[in-house]
Amino acid sequence: MEDTDIHDHQAIQKRLRRQAEAGRFRVTLHAHQEMIDEDISIDEVREVLLDATVVENYPEHERGSCCLVCGWISRKRYIHVVCTTSLDLVIIITVYEPMLPKWITPFERGKKDEM
């Protein structure tokens, strides 16, 4: 897979879509447990990657570049996925439904003191 500018949200979104279409993603144990807890299927994670909008980007993260994406799934809810952005295989780090008080909207965080 070609290099993607880890600072360019559109390039990241495009790459995540291509990798999801090709099935080139894996889920960590932590993300899998969250998927069980929040009733989110692997197909829905794929839906999010296909519809990904970068909400927050962490290109300089200590464990490697990653981002938070949001997508609308067929069960009519938004889902957040934190995943890698620079590996040949997308690693899904965490998955959850954004809710108050941490999230005012799926794209806007709540106040820091409410977290």
C-alpha atoms as a PDB file:
ATOM      1  CA  MET A   1       0.000   0.000   0.000  1.00  0.00           C
ATOM      2  CA  GLU A   2       1.373   3.425  -0.927  1.00  0.00           C
ATOM      3  CA  ASP A   3       2.411   5.961   1.664  1.00  0.00           C
ATOM      4  CA  THR A   4      -0.373   8.220   2.872  1.00  0.00           C
ATOM      5  CA  ASP A   5       0.197  11.679   4.291  1.00  0.00           C
ATOM      6  CA  ILE A   6      -0.715  11.014   7.940  1.00  0.00           C
ATOM      7  CA  HIS A   7      -1.647  14.690   8.346  1.00  0.00           C
ATOM      8  CA  ASP A   8      -4.141  14.744   5.443  1.00  0.00           C
ATOM      9  CA  HIS A   9      -7.647  13.785   6.616  1.00  0.00           C
ATOM     10  CA  GLN A  10      -8.974  13.172   3.105  1.00  0.00           C
ATOM     11  CA  ALA A  11      -6.037  10.917   2.223  1.00  0.00           C
ATOM     12  CA  ILE A  12      -6.535   8.969   5.469  1.00  0.00           C
ATOM     13  CA  GLN A  13     -10.267   8.546   4.796  1.00  0.00           C
ATOM     14  CA  LYS A  14      -9.576   7.358   1.248  1.00  0.00           C
ATOM     15  CA  ARG A  15      -6.987   4.853   2.434  1.00  0.00           C
ATOM     16  CA  LEU A  16      -9.248   3.497   5.182  1.00  0.00           C
ATOM     17  CA  ARG A  17     -12.018   2.980   2.610  1.00  0.00           C
ATOM     18  CA  ARG A  18      -9.676   1.091   0.269  1.00  0.00           C
ATOM     19  CA  GLN A  19      -8.392  -1.083   3.092  1.00  0.00           C
ATOM     20  CA  ALA A  20     -11.929  -1.826   4.322  1.00  0.00           C
ATOM     21  CA  GLU A  21     -13.031  -2.755   0.791  1.00  0.00           C
ATOM     22  CA  ALA A  22     -10.093  -5.172   0.595  1.00  0.00           C
ATOM     23  CA  GLY A  23     -10.748  -6.583   4.087  1.00  0.00           C
ATOM     24  CA  ARG A  24      -7.340  -5.357   5.233  1.00  0.00           C
ATOM     25  CA  PHE A  25      -8.164  -4.644   8.871  1.00  0.00           C
ATOM     26  CA  ARG A  26      -7.878  -6.470  12.175  1.00  0.00           C
ATOM     27  CA  VAL A  27      -9.482  -5.883  15.563  1.00  0.00           C
ATOM     28  CA  THR A  28      -7.538  -5.812  18.840  1.00  0.00           C
ATOM     29  CA  LEU A  29      -8.798  -7.813  21.802  1.00  0.00           C
ATOM     30  CA  HIS A  30      -9.747  -4.548  23.526  1.00  0.00           C
ATOM     31  CA  ALA A  31     -11.798  -3.377  20.523  1.00  0.00           C
ATOM     32  CA  HIS A  32     -13.422  -6.801  20.216  1.00  0.00           C
ATOM     33  CA  GLN A  33     -14.547  -6.655  23.848  1.00  0.00           C
ATOM     34  CA  GLU A  34     -15.994  -3.179  23.305  1.00  0.00           C
ATOM     35  CA  MET A  35     -17.821  -4.457  20.221  1.00  0.00           C
ATOM     36  CA  ILE A  36     -19.419  -7.179  22.334  1.00  0.00           C
ATOM     37  CA  ASP A  37     -20.284  -4.741  25.134  1.00  0.00           C
ATOM     38  CA  GLU A  38     -21.858  -2.216  22.736  1.00  0.00           C
ATOM     39  CA  ASP A  39     -23.446  -4.721  20.315  1.00  0.00           C
ATOM     40  CA  ILE A  40     -21.362  -3.667  17.310  1.00  0.00           C
ATOM     41  CA  SER A  41     -20.596  -6.263  14.636  1.00  0.00           C
ATOM     42  CA  ILE A  42     -17.478  -6.606  12.488  1.00  0.00           C
ATOM     43  CA  ASP A  43     -19.623  -5.721   9.459  1.00  0.00           C
ATOM     44  CA  GLU A  44     -20.607  -2.476  11.197  1.00  0.00           C
ATOM     45  CA  VAL A  45     -16.953  -1.661  11.886  1.00  0.00           C
ATOM     46  CA  ARG A  46     -16.358  -2.161   8.165  1.00  0.00           C
ATOM     47  CA  GLU A  47     -19.325   0.158   7.438  1.00  0.00           C
ATOM     48  CA  VAL A  48     -17.681   2.844   9.589  1.00  0.00           C
ATOM     49  CA  LEU A  49     -14.374   2.503   7.737  1.00  0.00           C
ATOM     50  CA  LEU A  50     -16.180   2.724   4.392  1.00  0.00           C
ATOM     51  CA  ASP A  51     -18.009   5.884   5.553  1.00  0.00           C
ATOM     52  CA  ALA A  52     -15.111   7.246   7.622  1.00  0.00           C
ATOM     53  CA  THR A  53     -14.917  10.894   8.579  1.00  0.00           C
ATOM     54  CA  VAL A  54     -11.783  11.772  10.536  1.00  0.00           C
ATOM     55  CA  VAL A  55     -12.881  13.451  13.774  1.00  0.00           C
ATOM     56  CA  GLU A  56      -9.467  13.601  15.448  1.00  0.00           C
ATOM     57  CA  ASN A  57      -6.044  12.768  14.053  1.00  0.00           C
ATOM     58  CA  TYR A  58      -3.075  11.651  16.146  1.00  0.00           C
ATOM     59  CA  PRO A  59      -0.181  11.531  13.640  1.00  0.00           C
ATOM     60  CA  GLU A  60       2.501  11.742  16.324  1.00  0.00           C
ATOM     61  CA  HIS A  61       1.005   9.266  18.819  1.00  0.00           C
ATOM     62  CA  GLU A  62       3.641   7.429  20.874  1.00  0.00           C
ATOM     63  CA  ARG A  63       2.408   4.032  19.614  1.00  0.00           C
ATOM     64  CA  GLY A  64       2.205   5.138  15.987  1.00  0.00           C
ATOM     65  CA  SER A  65      -0.027   7.322  13.884  1.00  0.00           C
ATOM     66  CA  CYS A  66      -3.738   6.741  14.405  1.00  0.00           C
ATOM     67  CA  CYS A  67      -7.024   8.580  14.202  1.00  0.00           C
ATOM     68  CA  LEU A  68     -10.593   8.653  15.468  1.00  0.00           C
ATOM     69  CA  VAL A  69     -13.159   8.222  12.711  1.00  0.00           C
ATOM     70  CA  CYS A  70     -16.917   8.394  12.831  1.00  0.00           C
ATOM     71  CA  GLY A  71     -19.362   6.648  10.549  1.00  0.00           C
ATOM     72  CA  TRP A  72     -23.099   6.080  10.212  1.00  0.00           C
ATOM     73  CA  ILE A  73     -24.138   2.421  10.247  1.00  0.00           C
ATOM     74  CA  SER A  74     -27.214   0.704   8.852  1.00  0.00           C
ATOM     75  CA  ARG A  75     -28.773   0.371  12.318  1.00  0.00           C
ATOM     76  CA  LYS A  76     -29.059   4.158  12.270  1.00  0.00           C
ATOM     77  CA  ARG A  77     -26.433   5.138  14.797  1.00  0.00           C
ATOM     78  CA  TYR A  78     -23.012   6.713  14.711  1.00  0.00           C
ATOM     79  CA  ILE A  79     -20.008   4.639  15.728  1.00  0.00           C
ATOM     80  CA  HIS A  80     -16.492   5.806  16.575  1.00  0.00           C
ATOM     81  CA  VAL A  81     -13.455   3.752  15.620  1.00  0.00           C
ATOM     82  CA  VAL A  82      -9.877   4.517  16.641  1.00  0.00           C
ATOM     83  CA  CYS A  83      -7.477   2.893  14.197  1.00  0.00           C
ATOM     84  CA  THR A  84      -3.980   3.057  12.775  1.00  0.00           C
ATOM     85  CA  THR A  85      -3.338   5.255   9.744  1.00  0.00           C
ATOM     86  CA  SER A  86       0.069   4.266   8.381  1.00  0.00           C
ATOM     87  CA  LEU A  87       0.232   0.459   8.392  1.00  0.00           C
ATOM     88  CA  ASP A  88      -0.537  -1.851   5.461  1.00  0.00           C
ATOM     89  CA  LEU A  89      -3.175  -3.463   7.669  1.00  0.00           C
ATOM     90  CA  VAL A  90      -5.572  -1.214   9.606  1.00  0.00           C
ATOM     91  CA  ILE A  91      -5.532  -2.101  13.296  1.00  0.00           C
ATOM     92  CA  ILE A  92      -8.815  -1.302  15.056  1.00  0.00           C
ATOM     93  CA  ILE A  93      -7.818  -0.105  18.524  1.00  0.00           C
ATOM     94  CA  THR A  94     -11.164   0.846  20.025  1.00  0.00           C
ATOM     95  CA  VAL A  95     -14.842   0.935  18.978  1.00  0.00           C
ATOM     96  CA  TYR A  96     -17.771   2.627  20.722  1.00  0.00           C
ATOM     97  CA  GLU A  97     -20.947   4.642  20.293  1.00  0.00           C
ATOM     98  CA  PRO A  98     -20.325   8.337  21.105  1.00  0.00           C
ATOM     99  CA  MET A  99     -22.583   9.491  23.955  1.00  0.00           C
ATOM    100  CA  LEU A 100     -23.068  12.315  26.410  1.00  0.00           C
ATOM    101  CA  PRO A 101     -21.300  13.650  28.409  1.00  0.00           C
ATOM    102  CA  LYS A 102     -18.086  12.764  26.540  1.00  0.00           C
ATOM    103  CA  TRP A 103     -19.604  13.674  23.176  1.00  0.00           C
ATOM    104  CA  ILE A 104     -22.075  16.507  22.544  1.00  0.00           C
ATOM    105  CA  THR A 105     -22.514  15.262  18.970  1.00  0.00           C
ATOM    106  CA  PRO A 106     -20.724  12.423  17.183  1.00  0.00           C
ATOM    107  CA  PHE A 107     -18.239  15.033  15.941  1.00  0.00           C
ATOM    108  CA  GLU A 108     -17.900  17.349  18.973  1.00  0.00           C
ATOM    109  CA  ARG A 109     -16.413  16.447  22.352  1.00  0.00           C
ATOM    110  CA  GLY A 110     -18.030  17.498  25.602  1.00  0.00           C
ATOM    111  CA  LYS A 111     -16.225  19.744  28.039  1.00  0.00           C
ATOM    112  CA  LYS A 112     -13.008  18.332  29.475  1.00  0.00           C
ATOM    113  CA  ASP A 113     -14.280  18.504  33.075  1.00  0.00           C
ATOM    114  CA  GLU A 114     -17.306  16.397  32.093  1.00  0.00           C
ATOM    115  CA  MET A 115     -15.122  13.555  30.855  1.00  0.00           C
END
